[in-house]
Protein backbone atom coordinates (compact mmCIF):
# COMPACT_ATOMS: atom_id res chain seq x y z
CA MET A 1 -17.68 33.23 33.46
CA LYS A 2 -20.55 32.70 31.03
CA ALA A 3 -18.75 34.73 28.34
CA PHE A 4 -15.58 32.67 28.91
CA LEU A 5 -17.56 29.42 28.50
CA ILE A 6 -19.16 30.66 25.28
CA LEU A 7 -15.74 31.72 23.97
CA LEU A 8 -14.30 28.31 24.88
CA ILE A 9 -17.14 26.49 23.10
CA PHE A 10 -16.70 28.76 20.05
CA LEU A 11 -12.94 28.12 19.91
CA PHE A 12 -13.46 24.37 20.31
CA SER A 13 -16.01 24.31 17.49
CA ILE A 14 -13.63 26.22 15.19
CA SER A 15 -10.77 23.83 15.93
CA SER A 16 -13.08 20.83 15.46
CA PHE A 17 -14.29 22.22 12.15
CA SER A 18 -10.75 22.84 11.01
CA GLN A 19 -9.71 19.30 11.94
CA ALA A 20 -12.73 17.89 10.10
CA GLU A 21 -11.84 19.95 7.03
CA ILE A 22 -8.24 18.75 7.19
CA GLU A 23 -9.38 15.12 7.41
CA LYS A 24 -11.69 15.63 4.43
CA GLN A 25 -8.75 16.84 2.36
CA GLN A 26 -6.52 13.91 3.30
CA ILE A 27 -5.53 11.76 0.40
CA THR A 28 -4.71 8.12 0.98
CA THR A 29 -2.79 6.38 -1.78
CA TYR A 30 -1.86 2.73 -2.12
CA PHE A 31 0.61 1.26 -4.59
CA PHE A 32 0.13 -2.50 -4.80
CA ILE A 33 2.68 -4.72 -6.49
CA ARG A 34 3.18 -8.42 -6.68
CA HIS A 35 6.55 -9.77 -5.60
CA ALA A 36 9.16 -9.96 -8.37
CA GLU A 37 10.19 -13.11 -10.24
CA LYS A 38 10.73 -16.07 -7.94
CA ASP A 39 12.79 -19.21 -8.39
CA THR A 40 10.39 -21.88 -9.64
CA SER A 41 12.98 -24.68 -10.01
CA ASP A 42 11.63 -26.48 -6.92
CA PRO A 43 7.81 -26.27 -6.96
CA LYS A 44 7.65 -27.83 -3.46
CA LYS A 45 9.67 -25.00 -1.90
CA ARG A 46 7.28 -22.89 0.20
CA ASP A 47 9.33 -19.69 0.24
CA PRO A 48 11.48 -19.44 -2.89
CA LYS A 49 14.02 -16.66 -3.31
CA LEU A 50 13.99 -14.07 -6.06
CA THR A 51 15.78 -14.89 -9.29
CA GLU A 52 18.35 -12.48 -10.73
CA GLU A 53 15.57 -11.15 -12.96
CA GLY A 54 13.44 -10.70 -9.84
CA LYS A 55 16.20 -8.80 -8.05
CA SER A 56 16.49 -6.51 -11.08
CA ARG A 57 12.72 -5.95 -11.12
CA ALA A 58 12.75 -5.09 -7.40
CA LYS A 59 15.37 -2.41 -8.10
CA LYS A 60 13.28 -1.20 -11.05
CA TRP A 61 10.23 -0.78 -8.77
CA ALA A 62 12.39 1.35 -6.47
CA LYS A 63 13.46 3.54 -9.42
CA ILE A 64 9.87 3.87 -10.64
CA LEU A 65 8.72 4.98 -7.18
CA ALA A 66 11.83 7.06 -6.37
CA GLU A 67 10.14 10.42 -7.02
CA THR A 68 6.97 9.45 -5.17
CA ASN A 69 6.47 10.53 -1.58
CA ILE A 70 6.09 7.22 0.25
CA ASP A 71 5.30 7.05 3.95
CA LEU A 72 4.96 3.30 4.53
CA VAL A 73 6.16 0.06 2.93
CA PHE A 74 4.33 -3.19 3.69
CA SER A 75 5.19 -6.77 2.82
CA SER A 76 4.01 -10.22 3.73
CA ASP A 77 6.55 -12.29 5.68
CA TYR A 78 7.81 -14.26 2.67
CA SER A 79 11.36 -13.64 1.49
CA ARG A 80 10.25 -12.94 -2.11
CA THR A 81 7.94 -10.12 -0.97
CA GLN A 82 10.41 -8.80 1.60
CA ASN A 83 13.19 -8.73 -1.03
CA THR A 84 10.92 -7.02 -3.54
CA ALA A 85 10.04 -4.35 -0.96
CA LYS A 86 13.61 -3.92 0.30
CA PRO A 87 14.98 -1.62 -2.46
CA ILE A 88 11.88 0.60 -2.16
CA ALA A 89 12.23 0.81 1.62
CA GLU A 90 15.97 1.50 1.36
CA ILE A 91 15.62 4.31 -1.17
CA LYS A 92 12.94 5.90 1.05
CA ASN A 93 14.80 5.16 4.30
CA LEU A 94 11.79 3.30 5.69
CA GLU A 95 11.31 0.08 7.64
CA ILE A 96 9.35 -2.70 5.97
CA GLN A 97 6.20 -3.41 7.96
CA SER A 98 4.70 -6.87 7.85
CA TYR A 99 1.04 -7.55 7.21
CA ASP A 100 -1.01 -10.70 7.42
CA PRO A 101 -2.41 -11.55 3.97
CA ARG A 102 -5.28 -13.39 5.69
CA ASP A 103 -6.38 -10.20 7.50
CA LEU A 104 -6.48 -7.59 4.79
CA ASN A 105 -7.64 -3.99 5.16
CA ASN A 106 -8.51 -4.27 8.84
CA GLN A 107 -9.26 -1.18 10.96
CA GLY A 108 -5.66 -0.97 12.22
CA PHE A 109 -4.33 -0.93 8.66
CA GLN A 110 -6.88 1.68 7.59
CA LYS A 111 -6.02 3.92 10.54
CA LYS A 112 -2.27 3.54 10.04
CA THR A 113 -2.44 4.37 6.33
CA LYS A 114 -5.08 7.12 6.34
CA GLY A 115 -3.73 10.26 4.70
CA LYS A 116 -0.50 8.51 3.73
CA THR A 117 1.06 6.93 0.67
CA SER A 118 1.83 3.24 1.09
CA VAL A 119 3.46 0.54 -0.99
CA ILE A 120 2.12 -2.95 -0.39
CA VAL A 121 4.02 -5.93 -1.80
CA GLY A 122 1.99 -9.10 -2.03
CA HIS A 123 1.29 -12.18 -4.09
CA SER A 124 -0.60 -13.17 -7.24
CA LYS A 125 -3.75 -13.89 -5.21
CA THR A 126 -3.51 -11.52 -2.27
CA THR A 127 -2.64 -8.36 -4.22
CA PRO A 128 -5.84 -8.18 -6.32
CA PHE A 129 -7.88 -9.46 -3.36
CA PHE A 130 -6.47 -6.64 -1.18
CA VAL A 131 -7.24 -4.05 -3.89
CA ASN A 132 -10.79 -5.40 -4.22
CA LYS A 133 -11.29 -5.13 -0.42
CA ILE A 134 -10.23 -1.48 -0.44
CA ILE A 135 -12.29 -0.45 -3.47
CA GLY A 136 -15.29 -2.44 -2.22
CA GLU A 137 -15.92 -4.48 -5.36
CA GLU A 138 -14.71 -7.66 -7.06
CA LYS A 139 -12.99 -5.93 -9.96
CA TYR A 140 -9.56 -7.58 -10.20
CA ALA A 141 -8.84 -11.27 -10.68
CA VAL A 142 -5.88 -13.34 -9.54
CA ILE A 143 -2.67 -12.35 -11.36
CA ASP A 144 -1.34 -14.97 -13.75
CA GLU A 145 1.70 -16.73 -12.27
CA THR A 146 3.89 -15.49 -15.16
CA ILE A 147 3.05 -11.79 -14.70
CA TYR A 148 5.16 -9.74 -12.29
CA GLY A 149 4.81 -6.20 -13.62
CA LYS A 150 1.33 -5.10 -12.56
CA LEU A 151 1.00 -1.94 -10.50
CA PHE A 152 -2.36 -1.24 -8.88
CA ILE A 153 -2.88 2.32 -7.67
CA VAL A 154 -5.77 3.17 -5.36
CA THR A 155 -6.43 6.74 -4.23
CA ILE A 156 -9.02 7.76 -1.67
CA LYS A 157 -9.94 11.44 -1.37
CA ASN A 158 -13.04 12.80 0.32
CA GLY A 159 -14.49 9.28 0.38
CA THR A 160 -14.10 8.89 -3.39
CA ILE A 161 -12.05 5.90 -4.47
CA VAL A 162 -10.20 5.90 -7.78
CA ASP A 163 -8.27 2.86 -8.93
CA HIS A 164 -5.97 2.12 -11.86
CA VAL A 165 -3.85 -0.78 -12.95
CA LEU A 166 -0.72 -0.44 -15.04
CA THR A 167 1.55 -3.08 -16.50
CA ILE A 168 5.23 -2.20 -16.30
CA ASP A 169 7.84 -4.42 -17.84
């Protein structure tokens, strides 16, 4: 009985070690984009639609990310973010998951995205704010209202965070 207990403890410690090693090797990647061009003809409209140029950009984002393994697609509840995310989600056969831009990078989000590759479509203010929350520093400022082609990439591996920003037109 004592030998069986020792063997059981040994096997449990090996499986725990293996799981810990697997978790250490997990890579979490985030692609952050701002919604595509919106209709600005009525500045009082709270949730404007995408323009034709915006619809084209949304399709372009899907083409850019087509060869990337994407596990999750997130968007705020606004139609411009949803419609920017839609071509990406469709090409990857994924559902768009909503997030609350006022509750960024909470524990539920971290747990859901750990070890996965996610695309997050946001806004000129929330996108850099979200990136800053994940990287743990105030590095990126609000995106100018006329700029729609920024891509922020954040990768977390073994606790090391690497971030990049690209402008794609």
